[in-house]
Amino acid sequence: MYTTGTIRLADALGTPFLMVIPAVTIWLAFGAWVVTSMGMWRHFAFLARESRRG
């Protein structure tokens, strides 16, 4: 949401140097989603192993 807001603000004010912020934050957000997804799948695998045991 902040990334989109910064893009719109940079466009409205005509300040292209602000575009550095969304360029960085989009990759940080993507990395956070990847780490979260990996944790979720790891938890699912743990649950699957535990359900087979007992």
C-alpha atoms as a PDB file:
ATOM      1  CA  MET A   1       0.000   0.000   0.000  1.00  0.00           C
ATOM      2  CA  TYR A   2       2.799   2.448   0.850  1.00  0.00           C
ATOM      3  CA  THR A   3       4.619   1.450  -2.308  1.00  0.00           C
ATOM      4  CA  THR A   4       1.610   2.340  -4.441  1.00  0.00           C
ATOM      5  CA  GLY A   5       1.098   5.575  -2.526  1.00  0.00           C
ATOM      6  CA  THR A   6       4.718   6.583  -3.067  1.00  0.00           C
ATOM      7  CA  ILE A   7       4.465   5.835  -6.784  1.00  0.00           C
ATOM      8  CA  ARG A   8       1.356   8.015  -7.059  1.00  0.00           C
ATOM      9  CA  LEU A   9       2.969  10.806  -5.004  1.00  0.00           C
ATOM     10  CA  ALA A  10       6.133  10.768  -7.118  1.00  0.00           C
ATOM     11  CA  ASP A  11       3.977  10.963 -10.240  1.00  0.00           C
ATOM     12  CA  ALA A  12       1.803  13.789  -8.877  1.00  0.00           C
ATOM     13  CA  LEU A  13       4.745  15.871  -7.662  1.00  0.00           C
ATOM     14  CA  GLY A  14       6.953  15.110 -10.640  1.00  0.00           C
ATOM     15  CA  THR A  15       9.774  13.861  -8.422  1.00  0.00           C
ATOM     16  CA  PRO A  16      11.357  10.811 -10.034  1.00  0.00           C
ATOM     17  CA  PHE A  17      13.921  10.436  -7.224  1.00  0.00           C
ATOM     18  CA  LEU A  18      11.088   9.167  -4.994  1.00  0.00           C
ATOM     19  CA  MET A  19      10.784   6.119  -7.266  1.00  0.00           C
ATOM     20  CA  VAL A  20      13.788   4.614  -5.471  1.00  0.00           C
ATOM     21  CA  ILE A  21      11.587   3.927  -2.441  1.00  0.00           C
ATOM     22  CA  PRO A  22       9.027   1.700  -4.220  1.00  0.00           C
ATOM     23  CA  ALA A  23      11.785  -0.030  -6.181  1.00  0.00           C
ATOM     24  CA  VAL A  24      13.352  -1.168  -2.905  1.00  0.00           C
ATOM     25  CA  THR A  25      10.211  -1.825  -0.874  1.00  0.00           C
ATOM     26  CA  ILE A  26       8.624  -4.029  -3.531  1.00  0.00           C
ATOM     27  CA  TRP A  27      11.574  -6.426  -3.275  1.00  0.00           C
ATOM     28  CA  LEU A  28      11.494  -6.318   0.528  1.00  0.00           C
ATOM     29  CA  ALA A  29       7.794  -7.159   0.454  1.00  0.00           C
ATOM     30  CA  PHE A  30       8.380  -9.972  -2.024  1.00  0.00           C
ATOM     31  CA  GLY A  31      11.127 -11.394   0.199  1.00  0.00           C
ATOM     32  CA  ALA A  32       8.829 -11.244   3.224  1.00  0.00           C
ATOM     33  CA  TRP A  33       6.131 -13.143   1.330  1.00  0.00           C
ATOM     34  CA  VAL A  34       8.638 -15.791   0.234  1.00  0.00           C
ATOM     35  CA  VAL A  35       9.884 -16.317   3.794  1.00  0.00           C
ATOM     36  CA  THR A  36       6.321 -16.462   5.125  1.00  0.00           C
ATOM     37  CA  SER A  37       5.282 -18.962   2.444  1.00  0.00           C
ATOM     38  CA  MET A  38       8.288 -21.155   3.170  1.00  0.00           C
ATOM     39  CA  GLY A  39       7.379 -21.171   6.864  1.00  0.00           C
ATOM     40  CA  MET A  40       3.798 -22.104   6.063  1.00  0.00           C
ATOM     41  CA  TRP A  41       4.828 -25.006   3.817  1.00  0.00           C
ATOM     42  CA  ARG A  42       7.339 -26.173   6.420  1.00  0.00           C
ATOM     43  CA  HIS A  43       4.543 -26.208   9.001  1.00  0.00           C
ATOM     44  CA  PHE A  44       2.274 -28.152   6.619  1.00  0.00           C
ATOM     45  CA  ALA A  45       5.029 -30.724   6.094  1.00  0.00           C
ATOM     46  CA  PHE A  46       5.454 -31.050   9.863  1.00  0.00           C
ATOM     47  CA  LEU A  47       1.707 -31.592  10.299  1.00  0.00           C
ATOM     48  CA  ALA A  48       1.692 -34.222   7.546  1.00  0.00           C
ATOM     49  CA  ARG A  49       4.565 -36.122   9.196  1.00  0.00           C
ATOM     50  CA  GLU A  50       2.888 -35.959  12.605  1.00  0.00           C
ATOM     51  CA  SER A  51      -0.441 -37.212  11.258  1.00  0.00           C
ATOM     52  CA  ARG A  52       1.274 -40.295   9.787  1.00  0.00           C
ATOM     53  CA  ARG A  53       2.866 -41.167  13.138  1.00  0.00           C
ATOM     54  CA  GLY A  54      -0.186 -41.343  15.241  1.00  0.00           C
END
